[in-house]
Amino acid sequence: MEIRYGLAGPTDAANLAALSIEVWLHTYARDGIRQAFSDYVLREFTAERFVGHVADPRGAVLKCERGPYLLGYLLLDFDAACPTVPGLKGEIATLYVRSRHAREGIGTGLLAEAADLGRARGLERFWLAVNHENAPALRFYEAQGFSRHGSRDFELDGERHENFILVRGVG
């Protein structure tokens, strides 16, 4: 079956939430599941939240599917200001691809679709935040032309986790 890219809609919300929980836990719960992780993913990644994301005119949710199956998605926030680069707006808030579909070009394809939307909105650059310990993601973004522009902390359950801020031209 052929891979397809497109805008997500309200009927995709449950799949987007489920994929988010899967990818987040696989990436960050390396030592196992603990209460703070469960509370976070069940609060943040809900179908209701994704219904809101796909309806929000300040952003877009791009999806990648093969047949009826969701393989990955990219959440854009066109108005989000970069915390380390004054005047820069346009955040790639989330780029998640199922781990079993990594290295199939899905992330690259989602970034290309996002670039098209960004150019149409008049953006010149995108920014994103990635955990400083997420080596596979850092390698991927570096290969995609992103460069580091400082960092900010993500706090969960009283623990601070450094996230690198990466920036790239829309292309």
Protein backbone atom coordinates (compact mmCIF):
# COMPACT_ATOMS: atom_id res chain seq x y z
CA MET A 1 0.00 0.00 0.00
CA GLU A 2 1.08 3.52 -0.78
CA ILE A 3 1.99 6.07 1.90
CA ARG A 4 -0.25 9.16 1.89
CA TYR A 5 0.16 12.55 3.56
CA GLY A 6 -2.61 14.99 4.34
CA LEU A 7 -4.34 17.13 6.90
CA ALA A 8 -5.84 15.31 9.86
CA GLY A 9 -9.47 15.84 10.76
CA PRO A 10 -11.68 15.21 13.77
CA THR A 11 -12.17 11.55 12.83
CA ASP A 12 -8.39 11.04 13.23
CA ALA A 13 -8.35 12.28 16.83
CA ALA A 14 -8.42 8.91 18.63
CA ASN A 15 -5.65 7.49 16.42
CA LEU A 16 -3.52 10.61 16.94
CA ALA A 17 -3.94 10.29 20.71
CA ALA A 18 -3.09 6.58 20.73
CA LEU A 19 -0.01 7.06 18.53
CA SER A 20 1.13 9.92 20.79
CA ILE A 21 0.94 7.78 23.91
CA GLU A 22 2.80 4.95 22.20
CA VAL A 23 5.64 7.14 20.90
CA TRP A 24 5.98 9.25 24.05
CA LEU A 25 6.20 6.24 26.36
CA HIS A 26 8.58 4.40 24.02
CA THR A 27 10.84 7.45 23.87
CA TYR A 28 10.80 8.71 27.45
CA ALA A 29 9.79 5.83 29.74
CA ARG A 30 13.07 4.01 29.18
CA ASP A 31 13.17 2.50 32.66
CA GLY A 32 9.48 1.62 32.73
CA ILE A 33 6.12 3.24 33.43
CA ARG A 34 5.67 5.36 36.53
CA GLN A 35 2.73 7.38 37.79
CA ALA A 36 3.99 10.76 36.54
CA PHE A 37 4.34 9.36 33.01
CA SER A 38 0.89 7.79 33.06
CA ASP A 39 -0.70 10.96 34.40
CA TYR A 40 1.06 13.08 31.78
CA VAL A 41 0.18 11.03 28.70
CA LEU A 42 -3.42 10.41 29.77
CA ARG A 43 -3.87 14.14 30.39
CA GLU A 44 -2.04 15.50 27.34
CA PHE A 45 -2.86 12.98 24.63
CA THR A 46 -6.62 12.74 24.45
CA ALA A 47 -8.96 12.53 21.48
CA GLU A 48 -10.67 15.70 22.73
CA ARG A 49 -7.40 17.64 22.62
CA PHE A 50 -6.71 16.46 19.09
CA VAL A 51 -10.17 17.50 17.96
CA GLY A 52 -9.18 20.96 19.20
CA HIS A 53 -5.81 20.84 17.44
CA VAL A 54 -7.25 19.91 14.06
CA ALA A 55 -9.88 22.68 14.35
CA ASP A 56 -7.45 25.41 15.43
CA PRO A 57 -6.80 27.86 12.55
CA ARG A 58 -3.47 28.88 14.15
CA GLY A 59 -2.02 25.48 13.36
CA ALA A 60 -2.33 22.25 11.45
CA VAL A 61 -2.00 18.54 12.04
CA LEU A 62 -0.42 16.63 9.17
CA LYS A 63 -0.78 12.86 9.07
CA CYS A 64 0.94 10.01 7.30
CA GLU A 65 -1.06 6.89 6.58
CA ARG A 66 -0.68 3.62 4.75
CA GLY A 67 -4.10 2.26 3.93
CA PRO A 68 -6.24 2.76 7.04
CA TYR A 69 -3.22 2.88 9.37
CA LEU A 70 -1.74 6.01 10.95
CA LEU A 71 2.06 5.84 10.89
CA GLY A 72 3.00 9.33 12.06
CA TYR A 73 1.94 12.93 12.40
CA LEU A 74 3.29 16.45 12.70
CA LEU A 75 1.59 19.17 14.76
CA LEU A 76 2.27 22.77 13.69
CA ASP A 77 1.64 25.95 15.66
CA PHE A 78 2.11 28.87 13.28
CA ASP A 79 1.92 31.49 16.05
CA ALA A 80 4.17 29.92 18.72
CA ALA A 81 7.11 32.19 19.53
CA CYS A 82 10.55 30.65 19.82
CA PRO A 83 11.92 31.11 23.36
CA THR A 84 15.51 31.62 22.19
CA VAL A 85 15.26 33.43 18.83
CA PRO A 86 13.48 36.79 19.09
CA GLY A 87 10.82 37.34 16.45
CA LEU A 88 10.76 33.73 15.24
CA LYS A 89 7.30 32.14 15.11
CA GLY A 90 6.27 28.79 13.72
CA GLU A 91 6.76 25.74 15.92
CA ILE A 92 6.82 22.12 14.98
CA ALA A 93 5.20 21.22 18.28
CA THR A 94 5.24 17.45 17.68
CA LEU A 95 6.67 15.10 15.09
CA TYR A 96 5.91 11.49 16.02
CA VAL A 97 6.46 8.39 13.92
CA ARG A 98 5.82 4.89 15.21
CA SER A 99 9.17 3.31 16.04
CA ARG A 100 8.49 0.27 13.85
CA HIS A 101 8.16 2.66 10.88
CA ALA A 102 11.30 4.69 11.60
CA ARG A 103 13.72 5.15 8.71
CA GLU A 104 10.97 4.77 6.09
CA GLY A 105 11.07 8.48 5.13
CA ILE A 106 7.90 9.36 7.04
CA GLY A 107 9.44 12.12 9.16
CA THR A 108 11.12 13.62 6.11
CA GLY A 109 7.83 13.53 4.23
CA LEU A 110 5.96 15.17 7.08
CA LEU A 111 8.59 17.94 7.25
CA ALA A 112 8.22 18.53 3.50
CA GLU A 113 4.45 18.84 3.87
CA ALA A 114 4.95 21.22 6.81
CA ALA A 115 7.34 23.33 4.73
CA ASP A 116 4.66 23.71 2.05
CA LEU A 117 2.15 24.90 4.65
CA GLY A 118 4.73 27.20 6.25
CA ARG A 119 5.61 28.86 2.95
CA ALA A 120 1.91 29.36 2.22
CA ARG A 121 1.61 31.12 5.59
CA GLY A 122 4.62 33.34 4.88
CA LEU A 123 6.97 31.66 7.34
CA GLU A 124 10.69 31.60 6.64
CA ARG A 125 11.80 29.28 9.46
CA PHE A 126 10.46 26.68 11.86
CA TRP A 127 11.62 25.91 15.38
CA LEU A 128 11.17 22.91 17.63
CA ALA A 129 12.26 21.59 21.01
CA VAL A 130 13.78 18.11 21.42
CA ASN A 131 15.02 16.35 24.54
CA HIS A 132 18.80 16.64 24.72
CA GLU A 133 19.08 12.88 25.41
CA ASN A 134 17.01 11.82 22.40
CA ALA A 135 19.98 10.98 20.18
CA PRO A 136 17.98 9.43 17.31
CA ALA A 137 15.78 12.53 17.02
CA LEU A 138 18.78 14.85 17.23
CA ARG A 139 20.54 12.94 14.43
CA PHE A 140 17.39 13.05 12.32
CA TYR A 141 16.87 16.79 12.77
CA GLU A 142 20.54 17.53 12.09
CA ALA A 143 20.32 15.52 8.86
CA GLN A 144 17.23 17.58 7.97
CA GLY A 145 19.18 20.85 8.28
CA PHE A 146 18.16 21.98 11.77
CA SER A 147 20.72 23.75 13.94
CA ARG A 148 20.80 24.36 17.67
CA HIS A 149 19.76 27.75 19.05
CA GLY A 150 19.85 27.35 22.82
CA SER A 151 17.66 25.31 25.11
CA ARG A 152 14.74 25.39 27.51
CA ASP A 153 13.59 23.07 30.25
CA PHE A 154 10.59 20.76 30.26
CA GLU A 155 9.40 19.99 33.78
CA LEU A 156 7.63 16.79 34.75
CA ASP A 157 6.93 15.70 38.31
CA GLY A 158 9.41 18.22 39.71
CA GLU A 159 12.21 17.05 37.41
CA ARG A 160 13.74 19.35 34.83
CA HIS A 161 14.65 17.93 31.42
CA GLU A 162 16.72 20.02 29.03
CA ASN A 163 15.30 20.41 25.54
CA PHE A 164 17.45 21.78 22.74
CA ILE A 165 15.82 24.42 20.54
CA LEU A 166 16.45 23.65 16.88
CA VAL A 167 15.77 25.95 13.92
CA ARG A 168 15.61 25.40 10.17
CA GLY A 169 14.49 27.38 7.18
CA VAL A 170 11.13 26.42 5.74
CA GLY A 171 12.94 25.74 2.49
